[in-house]
N, C-alpha and C. Protein backbone atom coordinates (compact mmCIF):
# COMPACT_ATOMS: atom_id res chain seq x y z
N UNK A 1 -1.63 83.25 138.78
CA UNK A 1 -1.61 83.93 137.50
C UNK A 1 -0.13 84.06 137.11
N UNK A 2 0.74 84.33 138.05
CA UNK A 2 2.17 84.50 137.70
C UNK A 2 2.75 83.18 137.24
N UNK A 3 2.25 82.12 137.79
CA UNK A 3 2.81 80.68 137.46
C UNK A 3 2.37 80.41 135.98
N UNK A 4 1.16 80.74 135.60
CA UNK A 4 0.67 80.39 134.32
C UNK A 4 1.48 81.27 133.23
N UNK A 5 1.77 82.53 133.45
CA UNK A 5 2.52 83.28 132.61
C UNK A 5 3.97 82.79 132.50
N UNK A 6 4.54 82.35 133.65
CA UNK A 6 5.87 81.74 133.70
C UNK A 6 5.88 80.45 132.89
N UNK A 7 4.91 79.59 133.00
CA UNK A 7 4.83 78.36 132.29
C UNK A 7 4.68 78.59 130.78
N UNK A 8 3.76 79.51 130.36
CA UNK A 8 3.63 79.82 128.98
C UNK A 8 4.78 80.42 128.33
N UNK A 9 5.49 81.31 129.08
CA UNK A 9 6.78 81.92 128.58
C UNK A 9 7.84 80.89 128.33
N UNK A 10 7.94 79.98 129.28
CA UNK A 10 8.88 78.83 129.29
C UNK A 10 8.60 77.94 128.13
N UNK A 11 7.37 77.64 127.93
CA UNK A 11 6.95 76.76 126.73
C UNK A 11 7.16 77.48 125.44
N UNK A 12 6.90 78.74 125.36
CA UNK A 12 7.27 79.47 124.09
C UNK A 12 8.71 79.48 123.76
N UNK A 13 9.58 79.74 124.83
CA UNK A 13 11.00 79.67 124.60
C UNK A 13 11.49 78.32 124.27
N UNK A 14 10.95 77.28 124.80
CA UNK A 14 11.27 75.89 124.53
C UNK A 14 10.92 75.54 123.05
N UNK A 15 9.77 75.98 122.63
CA UNK A 15 9.32 75.71 121.24
C UNK A 15 10.12 76.47 120.25
N UNK A 16 10.49 77.76 120.55
CA UNK A 16 11.31 78.49 119.70
C UNK A 16 12.75 77.99 119.54
N UNK A 17 13.35 77.40 120.59
CA UNK A 17 14.71 76.93 120.51
C UNK A 17 14.69 75.55 119.81
N UNK A 18 13.68 74.71 120.07
CA UNK A 18 13.68 73.41 119.48
C UNK A 18 13.34 73.40 117.96
N UNK A 19 12.62 74.39 117.48
CA UNK A 19 12.17 74.41 116.07
C UNK A 19 13.18 75.17 115.21
N UNK A 20 14.20 75.75 115.81
CA UNK A 20 15.27 76.49 115.02
C UNK A 20 16.05 75.48 114.20
N UNK A 21 16.30 75.87 112.97
CA UNK A 21 17.10 74.97 111.99
C UNK A 21 18.56 75.07 112.39
N UNK A 22 19.13 73.88 112.37
CA UNK A 22 20.61 73.85 112.67
C UNK A 22 21.38 73.86 111.35
N UNK A 23 22.37 74.64 111.26
CA UNK A 23 23.25 74.74 110.03
C UNK A 23 24.58 74.21 110.35
N UNK A 24 24.72 72.94 110.79
CA UNK A 24 25.99 72.33 111.22
C UNK A 24 26.57 71.70 110.00
N UNK A 25 25.84 71.28 108.93
CA UNK A 25 26.41 70.59 107.76
C UNK A 25 26.90 71.69 106.77
N UNK A 26 28.15 71.55 106.46
CA UNK A 26 28.73 72.40 105.39
C UNK A 26 29.37 71.45 104.29
N UNK A 27 29.18 71.86 103.05
CA UNK A 27 29.85 71.09 101.99
C UNK A 27 31.02 71.85 101.50
N UNK A 28 32.20 71.13 101.27
CA UNK A 28 33.32 71.78 100.61
C UNK A 28 33.51 71.30 99.26
N UNK A 29 33.67 72.22 98.43
CA UNK A 29 33.84 71.86 96.97
C UNK A 29 35.28 72.05 96.70
N UNK A 30 36.01 71.01 96.15
CA UNK A 30 37.38 71.11 95.81
C UNK A 30 37.48 71.09 94.30
N UNK A 31 38.07 72.14 93.70
CA UNK A 31 38.22 72.17 92.31
C UNK A 31 39.72 71.97 91.94
N UNK A 32 40.01 70.93 91.19
CA UNK A 32 41.39 70.61 90.77
C UNK A 32 41.66 71.09 89.37
N UNK A 33 42.70 71.80 89.17
CA UNK A 33 43.00 72.28 87.79
C UNK A 33 44.43 71.77 87.35
N UNK A 34 44.53 71.23 86.21
CA UNK A 34 45.79 70.82 85.72
C UNK A 34 46.58 72.05 85.40
N UNK A 35 47.82 72.09 85.82
CA UNK A 35 48.68 73.26 85.54
C UNK A 35 49.80 72.82 84.65
N UNK A 36 50.04 73.53 83.53
CA UNK A 36 51.08 73.11 82.66
C UNK A 36 52.43 73.62 83.26
N UNK A 37 53.46 72.71 83.13
CA UNK A 37 54.78 73.09 83.64
C UNK A 37 55.45 74.01 82.59
N UNK A 38 56.09 75.01 82.97
CA UNK A 38 56.71 75.91 82.01
C UNK A 38 57.88 75.19 81.31
N UNK A 39 57.99 75.38 80.07
CA UNK A 39 59.15 74.88 79.29
C UNK A 39 60.39 75.56 79.54
N UNK A 40 61.44 74.95 79.71
CA UNK A 40 62.74 75.67 79.98
C UNK A 40 63.10 76.48 78.82
N UNK A 41 63.60 77.67 79.06
CA UNK A 41 64.06 78.55 78.03
C UNK A 41 65.48 78.25 77.70
N UNK A 42 65.86 78.52 76.47
CA UNK A 42 67.28 78.36 76.04
C UNK A 42 68.09 79.59 76.22
N UNK A 43 68.15 80.01 77.51
CA UNK A 43 68.87 81.27 77.81
C UNK A 43 70.01 81.00 78.72
N UNK A 44 70.91 81.96 78.98
CA UNK A 44 71.95 81.71 79.95
C UNK A 44 71.31 81.66 81.39
N UNK A 45 71.89 80.80 82.22
CA UNK A 45 71.50 80.69 83.54
C UNK A 45 71.61 79.31 84.08
N UNK A 46 71.14 79.06 85.24
CA UNK A 46 71.20 77.81 85.85
C UNK A 46 69.81 77.17 86.03
N UNK A 47 69.75 75.91 85.78
CA UNK A 47 68.39 75.18 85.89
C UNK A 47 68.62 74.02 86.86
N UNK A 48 67.64 73.78 87.70
CA UNK A 48 67.72 72.68 88.61
C UNK A 48 66.25 72.08 88.72
N UNK A 49 66.13 70.75 88.42
CA UNK A 49 64.78 70.14 88.64
C UNK A 49 64.87 68.82 89.21
N UNK A 50 63.83 68.45 90.00
CA UNK A 50 63.81 67.15 90.66
C UNK A 50 62.39 66.57 90.26
N UNK A 51 62.50 65.28 89.93
CA UNK A 51 61.22 64.57 89.61
C UNK A 51 61.38 63.19 89.88
N UNK A 52 60.43 62.30 89.53
CA UNK A 52 60.47 60.93 89.97
C UNK A 52 61.61 60.16 89.27
N UNK A 53 62.08 60.65 88.19
CA UNK A 53 63.15 59.97 87.43
C UNK A 53 64.57 60.37 87.94
N UNK A 54 64.72 61.38 88.68
CA UNK A 54 65.95 61.81 89.22
C UNK A 54 66.18 63.28 89.35
N UNK A 55 67.39 63.72 89.38
CA UNK A 55 67.70 65.12 89.48
C UNK A 55 68.47 65.58 88.26
N UNK A 56 68.25 66.79 87.92
CA UNK A 56 68.92 67.30 86.68
C UNK A 56 69.36 68.75 87.04
N UNK A 57 70.66 68.97 86.72
CA UNK A 57 71.28 70.27 87.01
C UNK A 57 71.95 70.70 85.78
N UNK A 58 71.64 71.91 85.24
CA UNK A 58 72.32 72.39 84.04
C UNK A 58 72.67 73.86 84.20
N UNK A 59 73.80 74.24 83.61
CA UNK A 59 74.35 75.62 83.70
C UNK A 59 74.79 76.00 82.27
N UNK A 60 74.35 77.18 81.95
CA UNK A 60 74.69 77.64 80.54
C UNK A 60 75.22 79.00 80.57
N UNK A 61 76.29 79.21 80.00
CA UNK A 61 76.92 80.61 79.92
C UNK A 61 77.49 80.78 78.57
N UNK A 62 76.74 81.59 77.71
CA UNK A 62 77.20 81.74 76.35
C UNK A 62 77.13 80.42 75.53
N UNK A 63 78.26 79.94 74.96
CA UNK A 63 78.25 78.73 74.19
C UNK A 63 78.57 77.58 75.07
N UNK A 64 79.02 77.80 76.29
CA UNK A 64 79.43 76.68 77.18
C UNK A 64 78.17 76.17 77.99
N UNK A 65 77.96 75.01 77.90
CA UNK A 65 76.81 74.37 78.63
C UNK A 65 77.22 73.14 79.41
N UNK A 66 76.85 72.99 80.72
CA UNK A 66 77.15 71.90 81.55
C UNK A 66 75.84 71.33 82.04
N UNK A 67 75.76 69.95 81.87
CA UNK A 67 74.54 69.18 82.36
C UNK A 67 74.96 68.08 83.16
N UNK A 68 74.26 67.95 84.27
CA UNK A 68 74.49 66.86 85.20
C UNK A 68 73.11 66.13 85.54
N UNK A 69 73.03 64.84 85.20
CA UNK A 69 71.83 64.01 85.43
C UNK A 69 72.10 62.97 86.48
N UNK A 70 71.33 62.93 87.51
CA UNK A 70 71.52 61.87 88.54
C UNK A 70 70.21 61.07 88.48
N UNK A 71 70.31 59.80 88.11
CA UNK A 71 69.09 58.94 88.09
C UNK A 71 69.12 57.87 89.16
């Protein structure tokens, strides 16, 4: 009698474990958003930018303005 209960219990556990749904697949959603680059302001200060065309450095203090472009 103990063997029969042991076998039925083992069978019930085996069925319960094998029928459980696996949640191993996950989907990742990537959302890309275009971002506008801010336009440079015409105020006093220093500006430095690097892009595929080269490097630009500019400095403005009052009416004096210095620009350096390296292509």
